[in-house]
């Protein structure tokens, strides 16, 4: 199982980024995908998740600004991030998981700064 994130970078407050999570080694369409983030000195926190059926949930801090989605044909999950704030600065991780397993990507840095 392998998950590879991409799309991070530096953006000004109010800007947008789209993160991608390319998966391999498992039947992507059958499992849930989630995005977590970890800021310096803080615990890793759940940002958003999407089930195999397309149901989504979000942290309160990102509701209305972030959108999680998936393209099963491309084995890829996405996190569209709009109206970014300085407090969104963190390393963002993708996680694939089922009832008895989980696997993490290596993370991608998102920095929101003027």
N, C-alpha and C. Protein backbone atom coordinates (compact mmCIF):
# COMPACT_ATOMS: atom_id res chain seq x y z
N UNK A 1 0.85 -1.19 0.00
CA UNK A 1 0.00 0.00 0.00
C UNK A 1 0.89 1.24 0.00
N UNK A 2 0.56 2.17 -0.88
CA UNK A 2 1.33 3.41 -0.94
C UNK A 2 0.39 4.57 -1.20
N UNK A 3 0.63 5.66 -0.49
CA UNK A 3 -0.13 6.89 -0.67
C UNK A 3 0.87 8.03 -0.85
N UNK A 4 0.70 8.80 -1.88
CA UNK A 4 1.65 9.88 -2.19
C UNK A 4 0.89 11.18 -2.33
N UNK A 5 1.19 12.12 -1.44
CA UNK A 5 0.54 13.43 -1.49
C UNK A 5 1.33 14.38 -2.38
N UNK A 6 0.62 15.32 -2.95
CA UNK A 6 1.26 16.38 -3.72
C UNK A 6 0.34 17.61 -3.70
N UNK A 7 0.88 18.74 -4.15
CA UNK A 7 0.07 19.95 -4.27
C UNK A 7 0.28 20.97 -3.19
N UNK A 8 1.09 20.67 -2.20
CA UNK A 8 1.35 21.65 -1.15
C UNK A 8 2.21 22.79 -1.66
N UNK A 9 2.35 23.80 -0.82
CA UNK A 9 3.17 24.94 -1.19
C UNK A 9 2.89 26.12 -0.29
N UNK A 10 3.33 27.28 -0.73
CA UNK A 10 3.11 28.51 0.01
C UNK A 10 2.06 29.36 -0.72
N UNK A 11 1.13 29.89 0.04
CA UNK A 11 0.06 30.70 -0.54
C UNK A 11 -0.27 31.83 0.42
N UNK A 12 -0.76 32.92 -0.12
CA UNK A 12 -1.16 34.05 0.71
C UNK A 12 -2.51 33.79 1.37
N UNK A 13 -2.77 34.43 2.50
CA UNK A 13 -4.09 34.30 3.12
C UNK A 13 -5.19 34.65 2.12
N UNK A 14 -6.24 33.84 2.14
CA UNK A 14 -7.33 34.00 1.19
C UNK A 14 -7.16 33.21 -0.09
N UNK A 15 -5.99 32.63 -0.27
CA UNK A 15 -5.72 31.86 -1.48
C UNK A 15 -6.24 30.44 -1.42
N UNK A 16 -5.94 29.69 -2.47
CA UNK A 16 -6.42 28.31 -2.60
C UNK A 16 -5.29 27.37 -2.99
N UNK A 17 -5.46 26.13 -2.59
CA UNK A 17 -4.58 25.04 -3.01
C UNK A 17 -5.42 23.79 -3.15
N UNK A 18 -4.98 22.89 -4.04
CA UNK A 18 -5.61 21.58 -4.12
C UNK A 18 -4.56 20.52 -3.88
N UNK A 19 -4.77 19.73 -2.86
CA UNK A 19 -3.89 18.62 -2.56
C UNK A 19 -4.40 17.35 -3.23
N UNK A 20 -3.48 16.51 -3.66
CA UNK A 20 -3.81 15.23 -4.26
C UNK A 20 -3.19 14.11 -3.46
N UNK A 21 -3.84 12.97 -3.45
CA UNK A 21 -3.34 11.78 -2.77
C UNK A 21 -3.50 10.61 -3.73
N UNK A 22 -2.39 10.21 -4.34
CA UNK A 22 -2.41 9.10 -5.30
C UNK A 22 -2.14 7.80 -4.57
N UNK A 23 -3.05 6.85 -4.73
CA UNK A 23 -2.99 5.59 -3.98
C UNK A 23 -2.65 4.43 -4.89
N UNK A 24 -1.98 3.43 -4.32
CA UNK A 24 -1.69 2.20 -5.04
C UNK A 24 -1.57 1.06 -4.04
N UNK A 25 -1.73 -0.16 -4.54
CA UNK A 25 -1.54 -1.32 -3.70
C UNK A 25 -2.78 -1.82 -2.99
N UNK A 26 -3.91 -1.18 -3.23
CA UNK A 26 -5.17 -1.66 -2.67
C UNK A 26 -6.31 -1.20 -3.58
N UNK A 27 -7.47 -1.76 -3.37
CA UNK A 27 -8.63 -1.42 -4.19
C UNK A 27 -9.19 -0.09 -3.70
N UNK A 28 -8.71 0.97 -4.30
CA UNK A 28 -8.97 2.32 -3.82
C UNK A 28 -10.46 2.58 -3.64
N UNK A 29 -11.26 2.15 -4.58
CA UNK A 29 -12.68 2.48 -4.56
C UNK A 29 -13.43 1.86 -3.39
N UNK A 30 -12.83 0.87 -2.74
CA UNK A 30 -13.51 0.13 -1.67
C UNK A 30 -13.26 0.68 -0.28
N UNK A 31 -12.41 1.67 -0.16
CA UNK A 31 -11.99 2.13 1.16
C UNK A 31 -12.13 3.64 1.32
N UNK A 32 -12.12 4.03 2.58
CA UNK A 32 -12.22 5.45 2.92
C UNK A 32 -10.86 6.13 2.81
N UNK A 33 -10.94 7.42 2.59
CA UNK A 33 -9.75 8.26 2.53
C UNK A 33 -9.96 9.45 3.45
N UNK A 34 -8.91 9.85 4.14
CA UNK A 34 -9.03 11.02 4.99
C UNK A 34 -7.78 11.88 4.87
N UNK A 35 -7.95 13.13 5.23
CA UNK A 35 -6.84 14.08 5.30
C UNK A 35 -6.68 14.54 6.74
N UNK A 36 -5.45 14.52 7.20
CA UNK A 36 -5.08 15.02 8.51
C UNK A 36 -4.06 16.13 8.33
N UNK A 37 -3.85 16.89 9.37
CA UNK A 37 -2.79 17.90 9.34
C UNK A 37 -2.13 17.98 10.71
N UNK A 38 -0.88 18.39 10.68
CA UNK A 38 -0.14 18.56 11.92
C UNK A 38 0.69 19.82 11.83
N UNK A 39 0.37 20.77 12.70
CA UNK A 39 1.13 22.00 12.78
C UNK A 39 2.24 21.83 13.80
N UNK A 40 3.30 22.63 13.70
CA UNK A 40 4.42 22.51 14.65
C UNK A 40 3.95 22.62 16.10
N UNK A 41 4.36 21.65 16.91
CA UNK A 41 4.02 21.67 18.32
C UNK A 41 2.61 21.24 18.65
N UNK A 42 1.86 20.79 17.64
CA UNK A 42 0.47 20.38 17.87
C UNK A 42 0.27 18.93 17.47
N UNK A 43 -0.82 18.35 17.96
CA UNK A 43 -1.15 16.98 17.59
C UNK A 43 -1.73 16.93 16.19
N UNK A 44 -1.57 15.78 15.55
CA UNK A 44 -2.18 15.58 14.25
C UNK A 44 -3.71 15.58 14.42
N UNK A 45 -4.40 16.28 13.53
CA UNK A 45 -5.85 16.37 13.64
C UNK A 45 -6.52 16.02 12.32
N UNK A 46 -7.71 15.46 12.44
CA UNK A 46 -8.50 15.12 11.26
C UNK A 46 -9.04 16.40 10.63
N UNK A 47 -8.87 16.50 9.31
CA UNK A 47 -9.39 17.64 8.56
C UNK A 47 -10.67 17.26 7.83
N UNK A 48 -10.63 16.14 7.11
CA UNK A 48 -11.80 15.72 6.33
C UNK A 48 -11.66 14.25 5.98
N UNK A 49 -12.80 13.62 5.72
CA UNK A 49 -12.80 12.21 5.35
C UNK A 49 -13.91 11.95 4.34
N UNK A 50 -13.69 10.94 3.50
CA UNK A 50 -14.70 10.54 2.52
C UNK A 50 -14.73 9.02 2.47
N UNK A 51 -15.94 8.48 2.53
CA UNK A 51 -16.09 7.02 2.50
C UNK A 51 -16.06 6.51 1.06
N UNK A 52 -16.08 5.21 0.92
CA UNK A 52 -16.12 4.61 -0.41
C UNK A 52 -17.40 5.00 -1.14
N UNK A 53 -18.46 5.26 -0.39
CA UNK A 53 -19.73 5.64 -1.00
C UNK A 53 -19.86 7.13 -1.25
N UNK A 54 -18.86 7.90 -0.83
CA UNK A 54 -18.88 9.34 -1.10
C UNK A 54 -19.37 10.21 0.04
N UNK A 55 -19.71 9.62 1.18
CA UNK A 55 -20.11 10.44 2.32
C UNK A 55 -18.90 11.16 2.89
N UNK A 56 -19.11 12.39 3.30
CA UNK A 56 -18.00 13.21 3.76
C UNK A 56 -18.25 13.77 5.16
N UNK A 57 -17.18 14.07 5.85
CA UNK A 57 -17.27 14.84 7.08
C UNK A 57 -16.04 15.72 7.21
N UNK A 58 -16.21 16.82 7.93
CA UNK A 58 -15.17 17.84 8.03
C UNK A 58 -14.99 18.31 9.46
N UNK A 59 -13.78 18.74 9.76
CA UNK A 59 -13.55 19.44 11.02
C UNK A 59 -14.29 20.78 10.96
N UNK A 60 -14.77 21.21 12.11
CA UNK A 60 -15.51 22.47 12.15
C UNK A 60 -14.68 23.63 11.62
N UNK A 61 -13.39 23.57 11.85
CA UNK A 61 -12.50 24.68 11.47
C UNK A 61 -12.37 24.86 9.96
N UNK A 62 -12.74 23.85 9.17
CA UNK A 62 -12.58 23.94 7.72
C UNK A 62 -13.90 23.85 6.96
N UNK A 63 -14.99 23.64 7.67
CA UNK A 63 -16.30 23.54 7.00
C UNK A 63 -16.59 24.81 6.21
N UNK A 64 -17.04 24.60 4.98
CA UNK A 64 -17.36 25.73 4.12
C UNK A 64 -16.16 26.27 3.35
N UNK A 65 -14.96 25.84 3.71
CA UNK A 65 -13.75 26.31 3.01
C UNK A 65 -13.04 25.17 2.27
N UNK A 66 -13.06 23.97 2.84
CA UNK A 66 -12.37 22.82 2.26
C UNK A 66 -13.39 21.84 1.69
N UNK A 67 -13.00 21.16 0.62
CA UNK A 67 -13.84 20.12 0.03
C UNK A 67 -13.00 18.89 -0.26
N UNK A 68 -13.42 17.76 0.27
CA UNK A 68 -12.74 16.49 -0.01
C UNK A 68 -13.50 15.78 -1.12
N UNK A 69 -12.75 15.13 -2.00
CA UNK A 69 -13.38 14.39 -3.09
C UNK A 69 -12.47 13.23 -3.49
N UNK A 70 -12.97 12.40 -4.38
CA UNK A 70 -12.17 11.27 -4.85
C UNK A 70 -12.52 10.96 -6.29
N UNK A 71 -11.53 10.46 -7.00
CA UNK A 71 -11.72 9.99 -8.38
C UNK A 71 -11.25 8.55 -8.40
N UNK A 72 -12.19 7.63 -8.30
CA UNK A 72 -11.83 6.22 -8.21
C UNK A 72 -11.16 5.71 -9.49
N UNK A 73 -11.47 6.30 -10.62
CA UNK A 73 -10.85 5.89 -11.87
C UNK A 73 -9.36 6.23 -11.89
N UNK A 74 -8.98 7.25 -11.13
CA UNK A 74 -7.58 7.67 -11.07
C UNK A 74 -6.90 7.23 -9.78
N UNK A 75 -7.64 6.50 -8.92
CA UNK A 75 -7.08 6.09 -7.62
C UNK A 75 -6.51 7.29 -6.86
N UNK A 76 -7.21 8.37 -6.88
CA UNK A 76 -6.71 9.61 -6.30
C UNK A 76 -7.78 10.31 -5.47
N UNK A 77 -7.36 10.78 -4.32
CA UNK A 77 -8.21 11.62 -3.49
C UNK A 77 -7.71 13.05 -3.54
N UNK A 78 -8.64 13.99 -3.24
CA UNK A 78 -8.29 15.39 -3.33
C UNK A 78 -8.78 16.15 -2.10
N UNK A 79 -8.09 17.25 -1.83
CA UNK A 79 -8.56 18.19 -0.82
C UNK A 79 -8.44 19.58 -1.41
N UNK A 80 -9.56 20.16 -1.78
CA UNK A 80 -9.59 21.52 -2.28
C UNK A 80 -9.69 22.46 -1.10
N UNK A 81 -8.74 23.37 -0.99
CA UNK A 81 -8.69 24.28 0.15
C UNK A 81 -8.81 25.71 -0.34
N UNK A 82 -9.88 26.36 0.06
CA UNK A 82 -10.13 27.75 -0.32
C UNK A 82 -10.11 28.64 0.91
N UNK A 83 -10.02 29.94 0.68
CA UNK A 83 -10.03 30.93 1.77
C UNK A 83 -9.05 30.54 2.87
N UNK A 84 -7.85 30.20 2.47
CA UNK A 84 -6.86 29.71 3.42
C UNK A 84 -6.47 30.79 4.42
N UNK A 85 -6.21 30.33 5.64
CA UNK A 85 -5.83 31.20 6.74
C UNK A 85 -4.45 30.79 7.26
N UNK A 86 -3.83 31.68 7.98
CA UNK A 86 -2.52 31.38 8.54
C UNK A 86 -2.57 30.14 9.42
N UNK A 87 -3.67 29.96 10.12
CA UNK A 87 -3.81 28.79 11.01
C UNK A 87 -3.99 27.48 10.28
N UNK A 88 -4.11 27.52 8.96
CA UNK A 88 -4.16 26.29 8.17
C UNK A 88 -2.76 25.77 7.86
N UNK A 89 -1.74 26.53 8.21
CA UNK A 89 -0.36 26.12 7.98
C UNK A 89 -0.06 24.84 8.74
N UNK A 90 0.41 23.82 8.02
CA UNK A 90 0.67 22.51 8.62
C UNK A 90 1.22 21.57 7.55
N UNK A 91 1.67 20.43 8.00
CA UNK A 91 1.93 19.32 7.08
C UNK A 91 0.62 18.53 6.95
N UNK A 92 0.20 18.30 5.74
CA UNK A 92 -1.05 17.60 5.47
C UNK A 92 -0.75 16.17 5.03
N UNK A 93 -1.45 15.23 5.67
CA UNK A 93 -1.24 13.81 5.41
C UNK A 93 -2.53 13.18 4.89
N UNK A 94 -2.35 12.27 3.98
CA UNK A 94 -3.46 11.46 3.47
C UNK A 94 -3.41 10.10 4.16
N UNK A 95 -4.58 9.57 4.51
CA UNK A 95 -4.65 8.24 5.10
C UNK A 95 -5.70 7.42 4.39
N UNK A 96 -5.32 6.23 4.02
CA UNK A 96 -6.27 5.26 3.49
C UNK A 96 -6.54 4.24 4.58
N UNK A 97 -7.79 3.81 4.74
CA UNK A 97 -8.06 2.91 5.85
C UNK A 97 -9.30 2.07 5.59
N UNK A 98 -9.29 0.91 6.27
CA UNK A 98 -10.43 0.01 6.29
C UNK A 98 -10.69 -0.41 7.72
N UNK A 99 -11.42 -1.47 7.92
CA UNK A 99 -11.77 -1.89 9.28
C UNK A 99 -10.58 -2.44 10.04
N UNK A 100 -9.57 -2.94 9.31
CA UNK A 100 -8.46 -3.58 10.00
C UNK A 100 -7.10 -3.08 9.56
N UNK A 101 -7.05 -2.02 8.82
CA UNK A 101 -5.76 -1.52 8.38
C UNK A 101 -5.85 -0.02 8.14
N UNK A 102 -4.68 0.60 8.09
CA UNK A 102 -4.57 1.99 7.68
C UNK A 102 -3.15 2.23 7.18
N UNK A 103 -3.03 3.19 6.32
CA UNK A 103 -1.72 3.53 5.77
C UNK A 103 -1.66 5.03 5.53
N UNK A 104 -0.49 5.61 5.79
CA UNK A 104 -0.31 7.05 5.68
C UNK A 104 0.64 7.40 4.54
N UNK A 105 0.41 8.56 3.97
CA UNK A 105 1.38 9.12 3.05
C UNK A 105 2.48 9.83 3.82
N UNK A 106 3.41 10.41 3.08
CA UNK A 106 4.57 11.05 3.70
C UNK A 106 4.31 12.49 4.09
N UNK A 107 3.22 13.06 3.60
CA UNK A 107 2.86 14.43 3.95
C UNK A 107 3.31 15.46 2.94
N UNK A 108 2.59 16.57 2.91
CA UNK A 108 2.96 17.70 2.05
C UNK A 108 2.75 18.99 2.85
N UNK A 109 3.71 19.88 2.75
CA UNK A 109 3.69 21.10 3.54
C UNK A 109 2.79 22.15 2.89
N UNK A 110 1.93 22.74 3.71
CA UNK A 110 1.11 23.88 3.29
C UNK A 110 1.45 25.04 4.21
N UNK A 111 1.87 26.14 3.61
CA UNK A 111 2.22 27.34 4.37
C UNK A 111 1.37 28.50 3.87
N UNK A 112 0.64 29.12 4.79
CA UNK A 112 -0.20 30.27 4.45
C UNK A 112 0.41 31.49 5.12
N UNK A 113 0.93 32.37 4.30
CA UNK A 113 1.65 33.52 4.84
C UNK A 113 1.68 34.65 3.83
N UNK A 114 1.64 35.87 4.35
CA UNK A 114 1.75 37.03 3.47
C UNK A 114 3.21 37.47 3.36
